[in-house]
Amino acid sequence: MTEQMQEAKADPAAKKAKAKSHPSNTIQTSSEIISVDEPENALPEVSLADLPQLLQTACAKAGWNSLMPVQSRALPYLLEGRDLMVQSRTGSGKTGTYLLPLMARLNPAMPAVQALILVPTRELAVQVQQEAVAAVYGGVGYGKQMDALRQGVSVVVGTPGRVLDHLLRRTLNLDHISALIFDEADRMLSIGFYPDMKEIQRYLPETSIHAMLFSATYPPHVLKLAGEFLTDPQMLSLSTTQIHVAEVQHLYCECKSMEKDR
């Protein structure tokens, strides 16, 4: 925490984010009380019934009976079009938080990529793909990914390395995107994707893009990334006490070396 406060004095994005936060308050979840720091000109949280009808219908199809805390808090800002940094623990519902505003923004009649979601791993890309349209990631062939892109998808989710590969191959065009999302930004940077993300930035249109960044932690290098891609970013933090899901059970099995593949 001390390092982040010192870095905020030197980094413009960090300084803006910290300066625009109000004092903390608390909200009750099913398992714990978490601290919430809100942006300047804070907006009231919303419930499922407060969302536009299009989004209510989408939530109903997905089987949602209510919004999760990060969704209730972040959606008002994202639907208003603010560039936002969201800090919320892993598994807290961040994917739905950024996909819902995209539904209100996308033009289904436009046969072009309108939103790009960058994620650190192909596993997360596949998970988001279940709700999005096309996923591009390394470790597999290009064929199916190129076929999906040629069909004129609206949303692309992928790892920075494979997204850059498609840009260099000219099988992906970002001229018409209006939304850019970084999911698990701290993990992307820890893996070493920063050079690829900066290279992708060269392919973004000069027009205004609604950008949002989601991360479980916000060390100085994540705040620096936000300052380079987001416009006047504000911080919404719901994870000052815990960054991982406490309910996840981790298991391991001990076995002899010859039995590992069985």
C-alpha atoms as a PDB file:
ATOM      1  CA  MET A   1       0.000   0.000   0.000  1.00  0.00           C
ATOM      2  CA  THR A   2       2.869   2.362   0.837  1.00  0.00           C
ATOM      3  CA  GLU A   3       4.468   1.759  -2.569  1.00  0.00           C
ATOM      4  CA  GLN A   4       1.195   2.537  -4.349  1.00  0.00           C
ATOM      5  CA  MET A   5       0.804   5.807  -2.424  1.00  0.00           C
ATOM      6  CA  GLN A   6       4.363   6.828  -3.297  1.00  0.00           C
ATOM      7  CA  GLU A   7       3.885   5.882  -6.940  1.00  0.00           C
ATOM      8  CA  ALA A   8       0.654   7.884  -7.118  1.00  0.00           C
ATOM      9  CA  LYS A   9       2.666  11.035  -6.483  1.00  0.00           C
ATOM     10  CA  ALA A  10       4.787  10.417  -9.557  1.00  0.00           C
ATOM     11  CA  ASP A  11       2.383   8.710 -11.951  1.00  0.00           C
ATOM     12  CA  PRO A  12      -0.358  10.952 -13.493  1.00  0.00           C
ATOM     13  CA  ALA A  13      -2.916   8.169 -13.844  1.00  0.00           C
ATOM     14  CA  ALA A  14      -2.379   7.034 -10.299  1.00  0.00           C
ATOM     15  CA  LYS A  15      -2.634  10.595  -9.026  1.00  0.00           C
ATOM     16  CA  LYS A  16      -5.924  11.145 -10.859  1.00  0.00           C
ATOM     17  CA  ALA A  17      -7.356   7.857  -9.644  1.00  0.00           C
ATOM     18  CA  LYS A  18      -6.469   8.492  -6.013  1.00  0.00           C
ATOM     19  CA  ALA A  19      -7.570  12.116  -6.111  1.00  0.00           C
ATOM     20  CA  LYS A  20     -10.988  11.144  -7.430  1.00  0.00           C
ATOM     21  CA  SER A  21     -11.794   8.627  -4.722  1.00  0.00           C
ATOM     22  CA  HIS A  22     -14.166   9.312  -1.835  1.00  0.00           C
ATOM     23  CA  PRO A  23     -13.708   7.889   1.659  1.00  0.00           C
ATOM     24  CA  SER A  24     -14.463   4.200   1.967  1.00  0.00           C
ATOM     25  CA  ASN A  25     -17.781   2.708   2.960  1.00  0.00           C
ATOM     26  CA  THR A  26     -18.781  -0.915   3.276  1.00  0.00           C
ATOM     27  CA  ILE A  27     -21.232  -3.271   1.645  1.00  0.00           C
ATOM     28  CA  GLN A  28     -22.382  -6.654   2.838  1.00  0.00           C
ATOM     29  CA  THR A  29     -21.980  -9.721   0.628  1.00  0.00           C
ATOM     30  CA  SER A  30     -23.058 -13.265   1.351  1.00  0.00           C
ATOM     31  CA  SER A  31     -19.633 -14.143   2.720  1.00  0.00           C
ATOM     32  CA  GLU A  32     -17.918 -10.963   3.892  1.00  0.00           C
ATOM     33  CA  ILE A  33     -17.919  -7.189   4.215  1.00  0.00           C
ATOM     34  CA  ILE A  34     -15.693  -5.510   1.603  1.00  0.00           C
ATOM     35  CA  SER A  35     -14.540  -1.923   1.432  1.00  0.00           C
ATOM     36  CA  VAL A  36     -15.626   0.270  -1.499  1.00  0.00           C
ATOM     37  CA  ASP A  37     -13.834   3.335  -2.855  1.00  0.00           C
ATOM     38  CA  GLU A  38     -15.903   5.206  -5.450  1.00  0.00           C
ATOM     39  CA  PRO A  39     -14.974   7.675  -8.217  1.00  0.00           C
ATOM     40  CA  GLU A  40     -15.653  11.400  -8.129  1.00  0.00           C
ATOM     41  CA  ASN A  41     -19.302  12.282  -8.746  1.00  0.00           C
ATOM     42  CA  ALA A  42     -20.273   8.864  -7.444  1.00  0.00           C
ATOM     43  CA  LEU A  43     -23.344   7.251  -8.949  1.00  0.00           C
ATOM     44  CA  PRO A  44     -25.833   5.147  -6.979  1.00  0.00           C
ATOM     45  CA  GLU A  45     -25.618   1.404  -7.420  1.00  0.00           C
ATOM     46  CA  VAL A  46     -28.270  -0.288  -9.552  1.00  0.00           C
ATOM     47  CA  SER A  47     -30.306  -3.454  -9.353  1.00  0.00           C
ATOM     48  CA  LEU A  48     -31.359  -5.740 -12.165  1.00  0.00           C
ATOM     49  CA  ALA A  49     -34.698  -3.942 -12.432  1.00  0.00           C
ATOM     50  CA  ASP A  50     -32.931  -0.599 -13.005  1.00  0.00           C
ATOM     51  CA  LEU A  51     -31.167  -1.747 -16.189  1.00  0.00           C
ATOM     52  CA  PRO A  52     -32.463  -0.999 -19.709  1.00  0.00           C
ATOM     53  CA  GLN A  53     -34.905  -3.607 -20.970  1.00  0.00           C
ATOM     54  CA  LEU A  54     -32.388  -4.996 -23.475  1.00  0.00           C
ATOM     55  CA  LEU A  55     -29.954  -5.780 -20.684  1.00  0.00           C
ATOM     56  CA  GLN A  56     -32.685  -7.172 -18.417  1.00  0.00           C
ATOM     57  CA  THR A  57     -33.636  -9.578 -21.196  1.00  0.00           C
ATOM     58  CA  ALA A  58     -30.017 -10.650 -21.649  1.00  0.00           C
ATOM     59  CA  CYS A  59     -29.664 -11.255 -17.911  1.00  0.00           C
ATOM     60  CA  ALA A  60     -32.839 -13.315 -17.879  1.00  0.00           C
ATOM     61  CA  LYS A  61     -31.566 -15.485 -20.748  1.00  0.00           C
ATOM     62  CA  ALA A  62     -28.332 -16.017 -18.826  1.00  0.00           C
ATOM     63  CA  GLY A  63     -30.314 -17.094 -15.748  1.00  0.00           C
ATOM     64  CA  TRP A  64     -29.336 -14.125 -13.592  1.00  0.00           C
ATOM     65  CA  ASN A  65     -31.707 -13.352 -10.717  1.00  0.00           C
ATOM     66  CA  SER A  66     -29.680 -10.431  -9.395  1.00  0.00           C
ATOM     67  CA  LEU A  67     -26.500  -8.449  -9.991  1.00  0.00           C
ATOM     68  CA  MET A  68     -23.264  -9.134  -8.155  1.00  0.00           C
ATOM     69  CA  PRO A  69     -21.752  -6.271  -6.109  1.00  0.00           C
ATOM     70  CA  VAL A  70     -19.139  -5.311  -8.714  1.00  0.00           C
ATOM     71  CA  GLN A  71     -21.861  -5.208 -11.373  1.00  0.00           C
ATOM     72  CA  SER A  72     -24.234  -3.113  -9.275  1.00  0.00           C
ATOM     73  CA  ARG A  73     -21.459  -0.615  -8.569  1.00  0.00           C
ATOM     74  CA  ALA A  74     -19.666  -0.451 -11.926  1.00  0.00           C
ATOM     75  CA  LEU A  75     -22.517  -0.609 -14.443  1.00  0.00           C
ATOM     76  CA  PRO A  76     -23.810   2.941 -13.825  1.00  0.00           C
ATOM     77  CA  TYR A  77     -20.379   4.389 -14.720  1.00  0.00           C
ATOM     78  CA  LEU A  78     -19.831   2.114 -17.714  1.00  0.00           C
ATOM     79  CA  LEU A  79     -23.313   2.719 -19.129  1.00  0.00           C
ATOM     80  CA  GLU A  80     -22.607   6.441 -18.793  1.00  0.00           C
ATOM     81  CA  GLY A  81     -19.471   5.981 -20.890  1.00  0.00           C
ATOM     82  CA  ARG A  82     -16.825   6.774 -18.280  1.00  0.00           C
ATOM     83  CA  ASP A  83     -13.359   5.226 -18.632  1.00  0.00           C
ATOM     84  CA  LEU A  84     -13.032   3.165 -15.494  1.00  0.00           C
ATOM     85  CA  MET A  85     -10.475   1.132 -13.568  1.00  0.00           C
ATOM     86  CA  VAL A  86     -12.232  -1.561 -11.546  1.00  0.00           C
ATOM     87  CA  GLN A  87     -10.531  -3.426  -8.740  1.00  0.00           C
ATOM     88  CA  SER A  88     -12.435  -6.510  -7.712  1.00  0.00           C
ATOM     89  CA  ARG A  89     -11.341  -9.929  -6.595  1.00  0.00           C
ATOM     90  CA  THR A  90     -10.969 -12.830  -9.006  1.00  0.00           C
ATOM     91  CA  GLY A  91     -14.267 -14.573  -9.729  1.00  0.00           C
ATOM     92  CA  SER A  92     -16.434 -11.673  -8.548  1.00  0.00           C
ATOM     93  CA  GLY A  93     -18.409 -11.220 -11.786  1.00  0.00           C
ATOM     94  CA  LYS A  94     -16.141  -8.852 -13.741  1.00  0.00           C
ATOM     95  CA  THR A  95     -16.839 -10.555 -17.080  1.00  0.00           C
ATOM     96  CA  GLY A  96     -20.540  -9.792 -16.916  1.00  0.00           C
ATOM     97  CA  THR A  97     -19.698  -6.276 -15.762  1.00  0.00           C
ATOM     98  CA  TYR A  98     -18.039  -5.351 -19.049  1.00  0.00           C
ATOM     99  CA  LEU A  99     -20.109  -7.513 -21.408  1.00  0.00           C
ATOM    100  CA  LEU A 100     -23.461  -5.969 -20.440  1.00  0.00           C
ATOM    101  CA  PRO A 101     -22.500  -2.394 -21.454  1.00  0.00           C
ATOM    102  CA  LEU A 102     -21.186  -3.745 -24.764  1.00  0.00           C
ATOM    103  CA  MET A 103     -24.641  -5.053 -25.618  1.00  0.00           C
ATOM    104  CA  ALA A 104     -26.041  -1.543 -25.317  1.00  0.00           C
ATOM    105  CA  ARG A 105     -23.224  -0.109 -27.455  1.00  0.00           C
ATOM    106  CA  LEU A 106     -22.880  -2.562 -30.338  1.00  0.00           C
ATOM    107  CA  ASN A 107     -24.510  -2.030 -33.715  1.00  0.00           C
ATOM    108  CA  PRO A 108     -25.569  -5.488 -34.994  1.00  0.00           C
ATOM    109  CA  ALA A 109     -25.981  -4.111 -38.514  1.00  0.00           C
ATOM    110  CA  MET A 110     -22.289  -3.181 -38.745  1.00  0.00           C
ATOM    111  CA  PRO A 111     -20.183  -6.094 -40.102  1.00  0.00           C
ATOM    112  CA  ALA A 112     -17.017  -5.049 -38.300  1.00  0.00           C
ATOM    113  CA  VAL A 113     -15.207  -5.584 -35.003  1.00  0.00           C
ATOM    114  CA  GLN A 114     -16.582  -2.996 -32.565  1.00  0.00           C
ATOM    115  CA  ALA A 115     -15.086  -4.185 -29.271  1.00  0.00           C
ATOM    116  CA  LEU A 116     -11.767  -5.762 -28.308  1.00  0.00           C
ATOM    117  CA  ILE A 117     -11.281  -7.649 -25.030  1.00  0.00           C
ATOM    118  CA  LEU A 118      -7.696  -8.462 -24.038  1.00  0.00           C
ATOM    119  CA  VAL A 119      -7.143 -11.315 -21.573  1.00  0.00           C
ATOM    120  CA  PRO A 120      -3.994 -13.018 -20.227  1.00  0.00           C
ATOM    121  CA  THR A 121      -4.714 -16.671 -21.059  1.00  0.00           C
ATOM    122  CA  ARG A 122      -6.482 -18.764 -23.654  1.00  0.00           C
ATOM    123  CA  GLU A 123      -8.517 -20.396 -20.848  1.00  0.00           C
ATOM    124  CA  LEU A 124     -10.005 -17.025 -19.953  1.00  0.00           C
ATOM    125  CA  ALA A 125     -10.482 -16.217 -23.652  1.00  0.00           C
ATOM    126  CA  VAL A 126     -12.510 -19.403 -24.100  1.00  0.00           C
ATOM    127  CA  GLN A 127     -14.529 -18.609 -20.966  1.00  0.00           C
ATOM    128  CA  VAL A 128     -15.392 -15.119 -22.221  1.00  0.00           C
ATOM    129  CA  GLN A 129     -16.061 -16.479 -25.705  1.00  0.00           C
ATOM    130  CA  GLN A 130     -19.099 -18.293 -24.338  1.00  0.00           C
ATOM    131  CA  GLU A 131     -20.648 -14.859 -23.904  1.00  0.00           C
ATOM    132  CA  ALA A 132     -18.810 -12.961 -26.667  1.00  0.00           C
ATOM    133  CA  VAL A 133     -18.350 -13.864 -30.326  1.00  0.00           C
ATOM    134  CA  ALA A 134     -14.833 -14.750 -31.495  1.00  0.00           C
ATOM    135  CA  ALA A 135     -11.798 -15.790 -29.459  1.00  0.00           C
ATOM    136  CA  VAL A 136      -8.189 -15.627 -30.677  1.00  0.00           C
ATOM    137  CA  TYR A 137      -5.340 -17.102 -28.652  1.00  0.00           C
ATOM    138  CA  GLY A 138      -2.060 -18.921 -29.080  1.00  0.00           C
ATOM    139  CA  GLY A 139      -1.271 -22.604 -28.822  1.00  0.00           C
ATOM    140  CA  VAL A 140      -3.716 -23.561 -31.591  1.00  0.00           C
ATOM    141  CA  GLY A 141      -3.944 -23.101 -35.357  1.00  0.00           C
ATOM    142  CA  TYR A 142      -5.131 -19.943 -37.094  1.00  0.00           C
ATOM    143  CA  GLY A 143      -7.721 -21.530 -39.395  1.00  0.00           C
ATOM    144  CA  LYS A 144     -10.879 -21.476 -37.253  1.00  0.00           C
ATOM    145  CA  GLN A 145      -9.981 -18.083 -35.824  1.00  0.00           C
ATOM    146  CA  MET A 146      -9.538 -16.584 -39.305  1.00  0.00           C
ATOM    147  CA  ASP A 147     -12.844 -18.087 -40.442  1.00  0.00           C
ATOM    148  CA  ALA A 148     -14.622 -16.493 -37.464  1.00  0.00           C
ATOM    149  CA  LEU A 149     -13.043 -13.089 -38.160  1.00  0.00           C
ATOM    150  CA  ARG A 150     -14.000 -13.243 -41.834  1.00  0.00           C
ATOM    151  CA  GLN A 151     -17.652 -13.637 -40.838  1.00  0.00           C
ATOM    152  CA  GLY A 152     -17.680 -10.063 -39.544  1.00  0.00           C
ATOM    153  CA  VAL A 153     -17.896 -10.545 -35.768  1.00  0.00           C
ATOM    154  CA  SER A 154     -18.714  -7.611 -33.476  1.00  0.00           C
ATOM    155  CA  VAL A 155     -16.647  -8.630 -30.443  1.00  0.00           C
ATOM    156  CA  VAL A 156     -13.185 -10.193 -30.343  1.00  0.00           C
ATOM    157  CA  VAL A 157     -11.600 -11.562 -27.172  1.00  0.00           C
ATOM    158  CA  GLY A 158      -8.018 -12.727 -27.187  1.00  0.00           C
ATOM    159  CA  THR A 159      -4.552 -12.773 -25.722  1.00  0.00           C
ATOM    160  CA  PRO A 160      -2.393  -9.785 -26.743  1.00  0.00           C
ATOM    161  CA  GLY A 161       0.134 -11.958 -28.567  1.00  0.00           C
ATOM    162  CA  ARG A 162      -2.383 -13.677 -30.841  1.00  0.00           C
ATOM    163  CA  VAL A 163      -4.381 -10.472 -31.379  1.00  0.00           C
ATOM    164  CA  LEU A 164      -1.169  -8.809 -32.586  1.00  0.00           C
ATOM    165  CA  ASP A 165      -0.445 -11.789 -34.844  1.00  0.00           C
ATOM    166  CA  HIS A 166      -3.830 -11.349 -36.554  1.00  0.00           C
ATOM    167  CA  LEU A 167      -3.248  -7.605 -36.922  1.00  0.00           C
ATOM    168  CA  LEU A 168       0.106  -8.241 -38.584  1.00  0.00           C
ATOM    169  CA  ARG A 169      -1.490 -10.836 -40.863  1.00  0.00           C
ATOM    170  CA  ARG A 170      -4.255  -8.314 -41.652  1.00  0.00           C
ATOM    171  CA  THR A 171      -6.904 -10.848 -40.685  1.00  0.00           C
ATOM    172  CA  LEU A 172      -8.113  -8.501 -37.929  1.00  0.00           C
ATOM    173  CA  ASN A 173      -9.062  -4.855 -38.367  1.00  0.00           C
ATOM    174  CA  LEU A 174      -9.662  -2.475 -35.458  1.00  0.00           C
ATOM    175  CA  ASP A 175     -10.642   0.620 -37.429  1.00  0.00           C
ATOM    176  CA  HIS A 176     -14.220   0.563 -36.136  1.00  0.00           C
ATOM    177  CA  ILE A 177     -13.848  -0.435 -32.496  1.00  0.00           C
ATOM    178  CA  SER A 178     -15.510   1.803 -29.926  1.00  0.00           C
ATOM    179  CA  ALA A 179     -14.752  -0.218 -26.777  1.00  0.00           C
ATOM    180  CA  LEU A 180     -11.500  -1.629 -25.378  1.00  0.00           C
ATOM    181  CA  ILE A 181     -11.399  -3.861 -22.305  1.00  0.00           C
ATOM    182  CA  PHE A 182      -8.420  -5.131 -20.327  1.00  0.00           C
ATOM    183  CA  ASP A 183      -9.407  -8.131 -18.200  1.00  0.00           C
ATOM    184  CA  GLU A 184      -6.998  -9.234 -15.444  1.00  0.00           C
ATOM    185  CA  ALA A 185      -4.529  -6.542 -16.455  1.00  0.00           C
ATOM    186  CA  ASP A 186      -2.122  -7.380 -13.639  1.00  0.00           C
ATOM    187  CA  ARG A 187      -1.743 -10.930 -14.951  1.00  0.00           C
ATOM    188  CA  MET A 188      -1.214  -9.745 -18.529  1.00  0.00           C
ATOM    189  CA  LEU A 189       1.610  -7.489 -17.398  1.00  0.00           C
ATOM    190  CA  SER A 190       3.178 -10.150 -15.176  1.00  0.00           C
ATOM    191  CA  ILE A 191       3.234 -12.541 -18.151  1.00  0.00           C
ATOM    192  CA  GLY A 192       5.094  -9.930 -20.208  1.00  0.00           C
ATOM    193  CA  PHE A 193       2.398  -8.775 -22.642  1.00  0.00           C
ATOM    194  CA  TYR A 194       3.118  -5.048 -22.266  1.00  0.00           C
ATOM    195  CA  PRO A 195       5.128  -4.723 -25.548  1.00  0.00           C
ATOM    196  CA  ASP A 196       2.345  -6.493 -27.464  1.00  0.00           C
ATOM    197  CA  MET A 197      -0.313  -4.237 -25.922  1.00  0.00           C
ATOM    198  CA  LYS A 198       1.649  -1.129 -26.898  1.00  0.00           C
ATOM    199  CA  GLU A 199       2.016  -2.484 -30.425  1.00  0.00           C
ATOM    200  CA  ILE A 200      -1.737  -3.155 -30.595  1.00  0.00           C
ATOM    201  CA  GLN A 201      -2.281   0.470 -29.602  1.00  0.00           C
ATOM    202  CA  ARG A 202      -0.824   1.533 -32.959  1.00  0.00           C
ATOM    203  CA  TYR A 203      -3.775  -0.161 -34.699  1.00  0.00           C
ATOM    204  CA  LEU A 204      -6.471   1.570 -32.675  1.00  0.00           C
ATOM    205  CA  PRO A 205      -8.509   4.315 -34.365  1.00  0.00           C
ATOM    206  CA  GLU A 206      -7.866   7.937 -33.466  1.00  0.00           C
ATOM    207  CA  THR A 207     -11.522   8.413 -32.566  1.00  0.00           C
ATOM    208  CA  SER A 208     -12.664   8.234 -28.946  1.00  0.00           C
ATOM    209  CA  ILE A 209     -12.761   4.727 -27.485  1.00  0.00           C
ATOM    210  CA  HIS A 210     -14.567   3.730 -24.304  1.00  0.00           C
ATOM    211  CA  ALA A 211     -11.870   1.903 -22.342  1.00  0.00           C
ATOM    212  CA  MET A 212     -12.129  -0.053 -19.118  1.00  0.00           C
ATOM    213  CA  LEU A 213      -9.526  -1.928 -17.130  1.00  0.00           C
ATOM    214  CA  PHE A 214     -10.216  -4.722 -14.660  1.00  0.00           C
ATOM    215  CA  SER A 215      -7.608  -6.033 -12.265  1.00  0.00           C
ATOM    216  CA  ALA A 216      -7.501  -7.783  -8.903  1.00  0.00           C
ATOM    217  CA  THR A 217      -4.489  -5.683  -7.900  1.00  0.00           C
ATOM    218  CA  TYR A 218      -3.247  -2.240  -8.912  1.00  0.00           C
ATOM    219  CA  PRO A 219       0.527  -2.061  -8.540  1.00  0.00           C
ATOM    220  CA  PRO A 220       2.280   0.944 -10.162  1.00  0.00           C
ATOM    221  CA  HIS A 221       2.780  -0.726 -13.560  1.00  0.00           C
ATOM    222  CA  VAL A 222      -0.976  -1.405 -13.873  1.00  0.00           C
ATOM    223  CA  LEU A 223      -1.742   2.241 -13.065  1.00  0.00           C
ATOM    224  CA  LYS A 224       0.806   3.250 -15.705  1.00  0.00           C
ATOM    225  CA  LEU A 225      -0.960   1.055 -18.279  1.00  0.00           C
ATOM    226  CA  ALA A 226      -4.284   2.701 -17.429  1.00  0.00           C
ATOM    227  CA  GLY A 227      -2.766   6.133 -17.982  1.00  0.00           C
ATOM    228  CA  GLU A 228      -1.569   5.100 -21.433  1.00  0.00           C
ATOM    229  CA  PHE A 229      -4.850   3.620 -22.700  1.00  0.00           C
ATOM    230  CA  LEU A 230      -7.683   5.232 -20.718  1.00  0.00           C
ATOM    231  CA  THR A 231      -8.894   8.842 -20.883  1.00  0.00           C
ATOM    232  CA  ASP A 232      -9.216  10.571 -17.512  1.00  0.00           C
ATOM    233  CA  PRO A 233      -9.527   7.188 -15.754  1.00  0.00           C
ATOM    234  CA  GLN A 234     -11.380   6.868 -12.473  1.00  0.00           C
ATOM    235  CA  MET A 235     -11.077   4.104  -9.899  1.00  0.00           C
ATOM    236  CA  LEU A 236     -13.792   1.916  -8.436  1.00  0.00           C
ATOM    237  CA  SER A 237     -12.318  -0.404  -5.826  1.00  0.00           C
ATOM    238  CA  LEU A 238     -14.143  -3.277  -4.157  1.00  0.00           C
ATOM    239  CA  SER A 239     -11.131  -5.262  -2.996  1.00  0.00           C
ATOM    240  CA  THR A 240      -9.200  -3.457  -0.298  1.00  0.00           C
ATOM    241  CA  THR A 241      -9.284  -6.445   2.055  1.00  0.00           C
ATOM    242  CA  GLN A 242      -9.140  -9.525  -0.187  1.00  0.00           C
ATOM    243  CA  ILE A 243      -8.277 -10.119  -3.842  1.00  0.00           C
ATOM    244  CA  HIS A 244      -9.041 -13.816  -4.248  1.00  0.00           C
ATOM    245  CA  VAL A 245     -12.229 -15.806  -3.878  1.00  0.00           C
ATOM    246  CA  ALA A 246     -12.262 -17.353  -0.430  1.00  0.00           C
ATOM    247  CA  GLU A 247     -14.758 -20.052  -1.413  1.00  0.00           C
ATOM    248  CA  VAL A 248     -12.519 -21.673  -4.060  1.00  0.00           C
ATOM    249  CA  GLN A 249     -11.216 -25.034  -2.889  1.00  0.00           C
ATOM    250  CA  HIS A 250      -7.698 -25.976  -4.033  1.00  0.00           C
ATOM    251  CA  LEU A 251      -6.841 -29.682  -4.207  1.00  0.00           C
ATOM    252  CA  TYR A 252      -3.771 -31.644  -5.157  1.00  0.00           C
ATOM    253  CA  CYS A 253      -3.008 -35.347  -5.544  1.00  0.00           C
ATOM    254  CA  GLU A 254       0.241 -37.067  -4.683  1.00  0.00           C
ATOM    255  CA  CYS A 255       1.239 -39.838  -7.058  1.00  0.00           C
ATOM    256  CA  LYS A 256       4.300 -41.652  -8.303  1.00  0.00           C
ATOM    257  CA  SER A 257       5.996 -40.232 -11.378  1.00  0.00           C
ATOM    258  CA  MET A 258       4.906 -43.142 -13.590  1.00  0.00           C
ATOM    259  CA  GLU A 259       1.251 -42.598 -12.623  1.00  0.00           C
ATOM    260  CA  LYS A 260       0.924 -38.917 -13.541  1.00  0.00           C
ATOM    261  CA  ASP A 261      -0.420 -39.555 -17.048  1.00  0.00           C
ATOM    262  CA  ARG A 262      -2.984 -42.138 -16.001  1.00  0.00           C
END
